[in-house]
Amino acid sequence: MSLLPFEYAVRNLGRSPLRLVAAVLGSTLVVGLVLAAGGFVRGMQRSLAVTGSPDNVILLGAGSEESIERSQIGSQVAGLVTASVPGLRQQFGVPYVSPEVHMALVLKTDRDATKELPAVLRGVTASAFLVHPQVRIVQGRAPRAGYYEMLVGRLAATRLGVAPETLALGRTLWFDNRPWTIVGRFEAPQTVMDAEIWCPLIDLQIATRRETTVSCVIVTLDQATFEDVAAFAARRLDLELVAVRESDYYAGLSRFYRPVRALVWGTVVLIALGGVFGGLNTMYAAFASRIREVGTLQTIGFSRTALVISFLQESLLLTAIGALLATVVVLAMLSGAAVRISMGAFELRIDAPVVLTGFGAGLLLAIVGVAPPLWRCLRLPIVESLRSA
């Protein structure tokens, strides 16, 4: 079978500059939307997967397995689990046991501010930095108990909906009718903690009037196993505890947000369909006007299969240009951009699988876009094609 030269498809791109621009912009829009949606889904999944460590176990109040914020357990649980479960990880005699308070609260930039800033606060002790090794202070220092100080995450400004300079070192946020001074900044890349605000455990307990309870106790396993911690929780009926692997807890959160991810993909599909139909109109008008050309090529000996391959090459070139343009634009503008959701904030993740998905959408667009006009051109007899205007 004799194929048309590849240069034929390349030269045809320049026959109609307006069609070329319209087709490229259409494919750029569709592929760009797919890349943005893929980056959103990958970013959310990655932040939840990285946050949970398989070596960490969370002790929660029974019935609060799906929400740490709703959990309340006694402050003495941290000491009891340390004494009762041998084999927990230690460093220089300090056990990896972190009592924590997790709360969604409203902050203000000053006492009289009318704008309320929804924040995720975590009350911690020094041991929190042991059980959460992802957290690293990059500026300033850790907050001191009794001084009403805060340590803000890298994406905390996105979560609060304020400019980054609002959370600069030395600035204050108001909560419980008193100013809390920002003394440090931390980062915990690709985790939900990156959007949190940390403060001393005892200070947050006093401010929220829960001096005798915490939300959870997180322990890191070494020689001990998950079953050992679960057995401790089961034996102490008076404490009303349940043990959950940290990785399983955040996997549950990921399942909770599955409808959100489905909604994002559904929206992209609907918008992309509009782009596809727009592209179909453009491609149909372009190829349908070449019926006589198709008949001539068949007359001089080129088979219909060869024409299909040539037209498909042309369509693939158009969508490939759009896909490359969309990838460059999305990587420049959206890669690493922060997105705010109810659980905090996370960064869009435009990685290799997302880029491949975008190019796959471009490939599908090329095939779907060229099929109807190509069918109209090739279904006519050669004589009728030559008579076409």
Protein backbone atom coordinates (compact mmCIF):
# COMPACT_ATOMS: atom_id res chain seq x y z
CA MET A 1 0.00 0.00 0.00
CA SER A 2 1.35 3.42 -0.99
CA LEU A 3 1.03 6.08 1.74
CA LEU A 4 0.89 9.81 1.25
CA PRO A 5 4.11 11.52 2.36
CA PHE A 6 4.09 12.95 5.87
CA GLU A 7 4.96 16.36 4.42
CA TYR A 8 1.52 16.40 2.78
CA ALA A 9 -0.15 16.42 6.20
CA VAL A 10 2.27 19.09 7.47
CA ARG A 11 1.68 21.39 4.49
CA ASN A 12 -2.08 21.06 4.85
CA LEU A 13 -1.90 22.67 8.29
CA GLY A 14 -1.07 26.00 6.70
CA ARG A 15 -3.84 25.93 4.11
CA SER A 16 -6.23 27.71 6.49
CA PRO A 17 -4.55 29.76 9.26
CA LEU A 18 -7.91 30.47 10.88
CA ARG A 19 -8.74 26.74 11.09
CA LEU A 20 -5.27 26.05 12.45
CA VAL A 21 -5.66 28.61 15.23
CA ALA A 22 -9.19 27.47 16.10
CA ALA A 23 -8.22 23.79 16.24
CA VAL A 24 -5.09 24.45 18.31
CA LEU A 25 -6.97 26.65 20.78
CA GLY A 26 -9.73 24.05 21.10
CA SER A 27 -7.31 21.23 21.86
CA THR A 28 -5.37 23.53 24.22
CA LEU A 29 -8.56 24.21 26.19
CA VAL A 30 -9.56 20.56 26.44
CA VAL A 31 -6.10 19.28 27.37
CA GLY A 32 -5.56 22.17 29.80
CA LEU A 33 -8.79 21.33 31.63
CA VAL A 34 -7.80 17.67 31.87
CA LEU A 35 -4.37 18.63 33.23
CA ALA A 36 -5.87 20.98 35.82
CA ALA A 37 -8.38 18.36 36.99
CA GLY A 38 -5.70 15.68 37.10
CA GLY A 39 -3.43 17.98 39.10
CA PHE A 40 -6.25 18.65 41.57
CA VAL A 41 -7.03 14.96 42.08
CA ARG A 42 -3.37 13.93 42.30
CA GLY A 43 -2.60 16.75 44.72
CA MET A 44 -5.45 15.81 47.04
CA GLN A 45 -4.63 12.11 46.96
CA ARG A 46 -0.93 12.75 47.48
CA SER A 47 -1.45 15.07 50.46
CA LEU A 48 -3.64 12.52 52.25
CA ALA A 49 -1.37 9.57 51.40
CA VAL A 50 1.85 11.27 52.54
CA THR A 51 0.33 12.67 55.74
CA GLY A 52 -0.45 9.23 57.17
CA SER A 53 2.54 7.14 58.28
CA PRO A 54 2.14 3.34 58.52
CA ASP A 55 4.33 3.40 61.65
CA ASN A 56 2.02 5.79 63.50
CA VAL A 57 -1.06 4.77 65.46
CA ILE A 58 -3.74 7.26 66.54
CA LEU A 59 -5.63 6.76 69.80
CA LEU A 60 -9.04 8.41 69.48
CA GLY A 61 -12.26 8.52 71.40
CA ALA A 62 -14.55 5.62 70.53
CA GLY A 63 -16.99 6.64 67.80
CA SER A 64 -14.72 9.36 66.41
CA GLU A 65 -12.75 7.20 64.00
CA GLU A 66 -13.67 9.43 61.04
CA SER A 67 -12.94 12.81 62.61
CA ILE A 68 -10.14 13.73 64.99
CA GLU A 69 -11.80 17.12 65.56
CA ARG A 70 -14.81 15.42 67.22
CA SER A 71 -12.68 13.19 69.41
CA GLN A 72 -12.08 13.84 73.13
CA ILE A 73 -9.96 11.63 75.36
CA GLY A 74 -8.34 12.20 78.72
CA SER A 75 -5.03 14.03 78.89
CA GLN A 76 -3.61 11.15 80.94
CA VAL A 77 -3.80 8.76 77.97
CA ALA A 78 -0.34 9.82 76.72
CA GLY A 79 1.31 8.80 79.98
CA LEU A 80 -0.72 5.61 80.29
CA VAL A 81 0.09 4.32 76.80
CA THR A 82 3.80 5.10 77.31
CA ALA A 83 3.85 3.05 80.52
CA SER A 84 1.59 0.24 79.27
CA VAL A 85 2.90 -0.48 75.74
CA PRO A 86 6.59 -1.37 75.64
CA GLY A 87 8.43 -1.13 72.34
CA LEU A 88 7.32 2.33 71.25
CA ARG A 89 10.01 4.26 69.41
CA GLN A 90 12.28 6.41 71.54
CA GLN A 91 15.08 8.90 70.97
CA PHE A 92 17.49 9.58 73.82
CA GLY A 93 14.90 8.25 76.23
CA VAL A 94 12.11 10.46 74.86
CA PRO A 95 9.15 8.37 73.63
CA TYR A 96 7.47 9.11 70.33
CA VAL A 97 4.12 9.85 71.98
CA SER A 98 2.33 13.04 70.98
CA PRO A 99 -0.86 14.24 72.71
CA GLU A 100 -2.61 16.69 70.37
CA VAL A 101 -5.67 18.89 70.11
CA HIS A 102 -7.11 19.32 66.59
CA MET A 103 -9.67 22.09 66.12
CA ALA A 104 -11.24 24.11 63.32
CA LEU A 105 -11.50 27.65 64.71
CA VAL A 106 -12.08 31.20 63.56
CA LEU A 107 -9.24 33.72 63.86
CA LYS A 108 -9.02 37.47 63.22
CA THR A 109 -6.18 39.73 62.17
CA ASP A 110 -6.98 42.15 65.02
CA ARG A 111 -9.45 42.51 67.85
CA ASP A 112 -11.95 44.64 65.93
CA ALA A 113 -11.65 42.94 62.54
CA THR A 114 -14.95 41.92 61.00
CA LYS A 115 -13.50 39.33 58.66
CA GLU A 116 -13.33 35.86 60.17
CA LEU A 117 -10.56 33.54 59.06
CA PRO A 118 -11.36 29.79 59.20
CA ALA A 119 -8.24 28.02 60.43
CA VAL A 120 -7.13 24.53 61.37
CA LEU A 121 -5.24 24.65 64.67
CA ARG A 122 -3.22 21.88 66.25
CA GLY A 123 -2.09 22.04 69.85
CA VAL A 124 1.17 20.13 70.24
CA THR A 125 4.11 19.43 72.48
CA ALA A 126 7.75 19.02 71.44
CA SER A 127 7.14 15.30 70.78
CA ALA A 128 4.92 16.22 67.81
CA PHE A 129 8.08 16.89 65.80
CA LEU A 130 9.16 13.30 66.53
CA VAL A 131 6.01 11.55 65.34
CA HIS A 132 5.62 13.92 62.36
CA PRO A 133 9.09 13.97 60.74
CA GLN A 134 7.63 15.65 57.63
CA VAL A 135 7.38 18.89 59.59
CA ARG A 136 10.43 21.13 59.41
CA ILE A 137 10.77 24.65 60.79
CA VAL A 138 12.12 26.84 58.00
CA GLN A 139 11.94 30.24 59.65
CA GLY A 140 11.88 31.42 63.24
CA ARG A 141 11.43 28.95 66.10
CA ALA A 142 8.93 26.71 67.82
CA PRO A 143 6.28 28.39 70.01
CA ARG A 144 6.78 28.45 73.79
CA ALA A 145 4.05 27.39 76.18
CA GLY A 146 2.52 30.19 78.20
CA TYR A 147 3.41 32.96 75.75
CA TYR A 148 0.53 32.52 73.29
CA GLU A 149 2.69 31.94 70.24
CA MET A 150 1.98 30.26 66.90
CA LEU A 151 3.86 28.32 64.24
CA VAL A 152 2.22 28.68 60.81
CA GLY A 153 2.39 26.23 57.91
CA ARG A 154 3.57 27.15 54.44
CA LEU A 155 0.01 26.98 53.03
CA ALA A 156 -1.73 28.48 56.07
CA ALA A 157 -2.25 31.79 54.26
CA THR A 158 -4.09 29.95 51.47
CA ARG A 159 -6.26 28.17 54.04
CA LEU A 160 -7.11 31.47 55.75
CA GLY A 161 -7.63 33.29 52.46
CA VAL A 162 -5.16 36.08 53.26
CA ALA A 163 -1.97 37.42 51.72
CA PRO A 164 1.23 35.62 52.82
CA GLU A 165 2.60 38.77 54.45
CA THR A 166 -0.34 38.67 56.89
CA LEU A 167 1.34 35.66 58.50
CA ALA A 168 4.86 37.10 58.59
CA LEU A 169 7.01 36.62 61.68
CA GLY A 170 6.04 39.03 64.43
CA ARG A 171 2.47 39.53 63.16
CA THR A 172 -0.42 38.54 65.40
CA LEU A 173 -3.69 36.67 65.00
CA TRP A 174 -6.51 37.16 67.48
CA PHE A 175 -8.24 34.27 69.17
CA ASP A 176 -9.93 33.98 72.58
CA ASN A 177 -9.80 37.79 72.90
CA ARG A 178 -6.00 37.87 72.94
CA PRO A 179 -3.24 38.24 70.35
CA TRP A 180 -1.18 35.18 69.40
CA THR A 181 2.22 36.07 68.00
CA ILE A 182 3.61 34.25 64.95
CA VAL A 183 7.14 33.19 65.89
CA GLY A 184 7.92 30.62 63.21
CA ARG A 185 7.02 29.06 59.89
CA PHE A 186 7.16 25.39 58.99
CA GLU A 187 6.70 23.25 55.94
CA ALA A 188 5.41 19.72 55.59
CA PRO A 189 5.38 19.27 51.81
CA GLN A 190 2.42 17.46 50.24
CA THR A 191 0.66 16.89 53.57
CA VAL A 192 -2.47 18.39 55.13
CA MET A 193 -0.29 19.69 57.98
CA ASP A 194 1.24 22.21 55.55
CA ALA A 195 -1.91 24.34 55.89
CA GLU A 196 -2.24 24.12 59.67
CA ILE A 197 -1.31 26.47 62.50
CA TRP A 198 0.48 24.90 65.45
CA CYS A 199 0.54 26.27 68.98
CA PRO A 200 1.49 24.91 72.42
CA LEU A 201 -0.90 22.23 73.62
CA ILE A 202 -1.53 23.71 77.05
CA ASP A 203 -2.22 27.18 75.60
CA LEU A 204 -4.81 25.82 73.17
CA GLN A 205 -6.38 23.71 75.91
CA ILE A 206 -6.80 26.75 78.13
CA ALA A 207 -8.12 28.91 75.28
CA THR A 208 -10.73 26.30 74.34
CA ARG A 209 -11.63 25.37 77.95
CA ARG A 210 -10.63 21.74 77.60
CA GLU A 211 -7.70 21.49 80.01
CA THR A 212 -8.43 17.87 80.89
CA THR A 213 -8.90 16.44 77.40
CA VAL A 214 -7.07 16.15 74.09
CA SER A 215 -8.26 15.12 70.64
CA CYS A 216 -5.88 12.22 70.20
CA VAL A 217 -2.57 10.67 71.12
CA ILE A 218 -0.29 9.63 68.27
CA VAL A 219 2.42 7.03 68.92
CA THR A 220 5.16 5.69 66.65
CA LEU A 221 5.83 1.96 66.62
CA ASP A 222 9.24 0.34 66.93
CA GLN A 223 9.30 -3.10 68.53
CA ALA A 224 5.65 -2.78 69.43
CA THR A 225 2.96 -3.63 66.89
CA PHE A 226 -0.38 -2.12 66.05
CA GLU A 227 -2.04 -5.04 67.82
CA ASP A 228 -0.25 -4.11 71.06
CA VAL A 229 -1.66 -0.58 70.96
CA ALA A 230 -5.10 -1.85 69.93
CA ALA A 231 -5.04 -4.31 72.84
CA PHE A 232 -4.24 -1.48 75.26
CA ALA A 233 -7.20 0.51 73.93
CA ALA A 234 -9.48 -2.53 74.23
CA ARG A 235 -8.40 -3.33 77.80
CA ARG A 236 -8.91 0.18 79.14
CA LEU A 237 -12.67 0.32 78.90
CA ASP A 238 -12.69 3.29 81.29
CA LEU A 239 -10.83 5.41 78.72
CA GLU A 240 -13.21 4.64 75.81
CA LEU A 241 -10.42 4.48 73.24
CA VAL A 242 -10.01 3.10 69.75
CA ALA A 243 -6.72 2.60 67.90
CA VAL A 244 -6.44 3.47 64.20
CA ARG A 245 -3.40 3.35 61.94
CA GLU A 246 -2.61 6.87 60.81
CA SER A 247 -2.38 5.71 57.19
CA ASP A 248 -5.84 4.12 57.47
CA TYR A 249 -7.32 7.28 58.97
CA TYR A 250 -6.17 9.46 56.07
CA ALA A 251 -7.16 6.77 53.58
CA GLY A 252 -10.66 7.11 55.02
CA LEU A 253 -10.50 10.87 54.48
CA SER A 254 -9.49 10.21 50.88
CA ARG A 255 -12.60 8.06 50.41
CA PHE A 256 -14.68 10.83 51.99
CA TYR A 257 -13.50 13.28 49.34
CA ARG A 258 -14.10 10.84 46.48
CA PRO A 259 -17.37 12.57 45.45
CA VAL A 260 -15.46 15.87 45.22
CA ARG A 261 -12.94 14.32 42.84
CA ALA A 262 -15.76 12.75 40.82
CA LEU A 263 -17.46 16.15 40.58
CA VAL A 264 -14.23 17.72 39.32
CA TRP A 265 -13.83 15.09 36.61
CA GLY A 266 -17.51 15.36 35.68
CA THR A 267 -17.23 19.11 35.25
CA VAL A 268 -14.14 18.70 33.09
CA VAL A 269 -15.87 16.10 30.92
CA LEU A 270 -18.85 18.39 30.31
CA ILE A 271 -16.65 21.36 29.41
CA ALA A 272 -14.40 19.14 27.31
CA LEU A 273 -17.42 17.86 25.39
CA GLY A 274 -18.18 21.45 24.45
CA GLY A 275 -14.61 21.79 23.21
CA VAL A 276 -14.89 18.52 21.29
CA PHE A 277 -18.09 19.60 19.52
CA GLY A 278 -16.51 22.93 18.69
CA GLY A 279 -13.53 21.11 17.28
CA LEU A 280 -15.82 18.81 15.32
CA ASN A 281 -17.42 21.80 13.61
CA THR A 282 -14.02 23.21 12.70
CA MET A 283 -12.64 19.90 11.45
CA TYR A 284 -15.84 19.02 9.61
CA ALA A 285 -15.86 22.32 7.75
CA ALA A 286 -12.20 21.91 6.85
CA PHE A 287 -12.23 18.32 5.65
CA ALA A 288 -15.69 18.33 4.09
CA SER A 289 -14.54 21.08 1.70
CA ARG A 290 -11.84 18.74 0.39
CA ILE A 291 -14.13 16.09 -1.12
CA ARG A 292 -12.82 16.73 -4.67
CA GLU A 293 -9.23 16.49 -3.35
CA VAL A 294 -10.01 13.12 -1.77
CA GLY A 295 -11.52 11.88 -5.03
CA THR A 296 -8.47 13.05 -6.99
CA LEU A 297 -6.07 11.26 -4.61
CA GLN A 298 -8.05 8.05 -5.01
CA THR A 299 -8.00 8.44 -8.80
CA ILE A 300 -4.21 8.61 -8.93
CA GLY A 301 -3.90 5.45 -6.87
CA PHE A 302 -4.00 6.21 -3.15
CA SER A 303 -6.24 3.88 -1.17
CA ARG A 304 -8.83 4.97 1.34
CA THR A 305 -6.66 3.52 4.11
CA ALA A 306 -3.80 5.77 3.04
CA LEU A 307 -6.12 8.77 3.09
CA VAL A 308 -7.38 7.86 6.55
CA ILE A 309 -3.78 7.66 7.83
CA SER A 310 -2.87 11.01 6.25
CA PHE A 311 -5.93 12.82 7.61
CA LEU A 312 -5.33 11.28 11.03
CA GLN A 313 -1.73 12.49 10.93
CA GLU A 314 -2.97 15.98 10.22
CA SER A 315 -5.46 15.88 13.07
CA LEU A 316 -2.85 14.47 15.47
CA LEU A 317 -0.43 17.25 14.57
CA LEU A 318 -3.07 19.85 15.39
CA THR A 319 -3.96 18.37 18.76
CA ALA A 320 -0.31 17.67 19.59
CA ILE A 321 0.49 21.36 19.16
CA GLY A 322 -2.44 22.23 21.43
CA ALA A 323 -1.44 19.60 24.01
CA LEU A 324 2.14 20.89 24.15
CA LEU A 325 0.90 24.45 24.51
CA ALA A 326 -1.54 23.44 27.26
CA THR A 327 1.19 21.55 29.13
CA VAL A 328 3.55 24.53 29.05
CA VAL A 329 0.82 26.93 30.23
CA VAL A 330 -0.45 24.64 33.00
CA LEU A 331 3.04 23.84 34.28
CA ALA A 332 3.90 27.53 34.34
CA MET A 333 0.68 28.76 35.94
CA LEU A 334 -0.80 25.90 37.99
CA SER A 335 1.93 23.47 39.01
CA GLY A 336 2.41 23.91 42.76
CA ALA A 337 -0.53 26.32 43.04
CA ALA A 338 -2.35 25.99 46.36
CA VAL A 339 -6.01 25.00 46.54
CA ARG A 340 -8.17 25.63 49.59
CA ILE A 341 -10.68 23.02 50.78
CA SER A 342 -12.44 22.28 54.06
CA MET A 343 -9.69 20.05 55.47
CA GLY A 344 -6.99 22.66 54.79
CA ALA A 345 -5.10 23.25 51.56
CA PHE A 346 -2.88 21.38 49.17
CA GLU A 347 -0.85 21.98 46.03
CA LEU A 348 -1.84 20.94 42.54
CA ARG A 349 0.43 18.13 41.39
CA ILE A 350 1.14 18.10 37.64
CA ASP A 351 3.33 15.01 37.37
CA ALA A 352 4.07 12.50 34.60
CA PRO A 353 0.81 10.49 34.95
CA VAL A 354 -1.23 13.70 34.75
CA VAL A 355 0.66 14.90 31.66
CA LEU A 356 0.18 11.50 30.00
CA THR A 357 -3.54 11.68 30.78
CA GLY A 358 -3.67 15.11 29.13
CA PHE A 359 -1.94 13.86 26.01
CA GLY A 360 -4.26 10.85 25.99
CA ALA A 361 -7.21 13.26 25.97
CA GLY A 362 -5.58 15.10 23.06
CA LEU A 363 -5.18 11.82 21.17
CA LEU A 364 -8.83 10.96 21.74
CA LEU A 365 -9.84 14.43 20.58
CA ALA A 366 -7.82 13.99 17.38
CA ILE A 367 -9.47 10.67 16.53
CA VAL A 368 -13.00 11.75 17.42
CA GLY A 369 -12.61 15.09 15.66
CA VAL A 370 -11.49 13.65 12.33
CA ALA A 371 -13.83 10.64 12.15
CA PRO A 372 -17.15 12.29 11.05
CA PRO A 373 -15.75 14.53 8.26
CA LEU A 374 -13.50 11.74 7.05
CA TRP A 375 -16.47 9.41 6.83
CA ARG A 376 -18.36 11.95 4.73
CA CYS A 377 -15.42 12.39 2.36
CA LEU A 378 -14.69 8.70 1.86
CA ARG A 379 -18.19 7.26 1.63
CA LEU A 380 -18.88 8.97 -1.72
CA PRO A 381 -17.99 7.19 -4.99
CA ILE A 382 -14.91 8.56 -6.74
CA VAL A 383 -16.90 9.96 -9.70
CA GLU A 384 -19.27 11.83 -7.38
CA SER A 385 -16.33 13.15 -5.36
CA LEU A 386 -14.71 14.57 -8.51
CA ARG A 387 -17.94 16.34 -9.45
CA SER A 388 -18.20 17.93 -6.00
CA ALA A 389 -17.77 21.71 -5.89
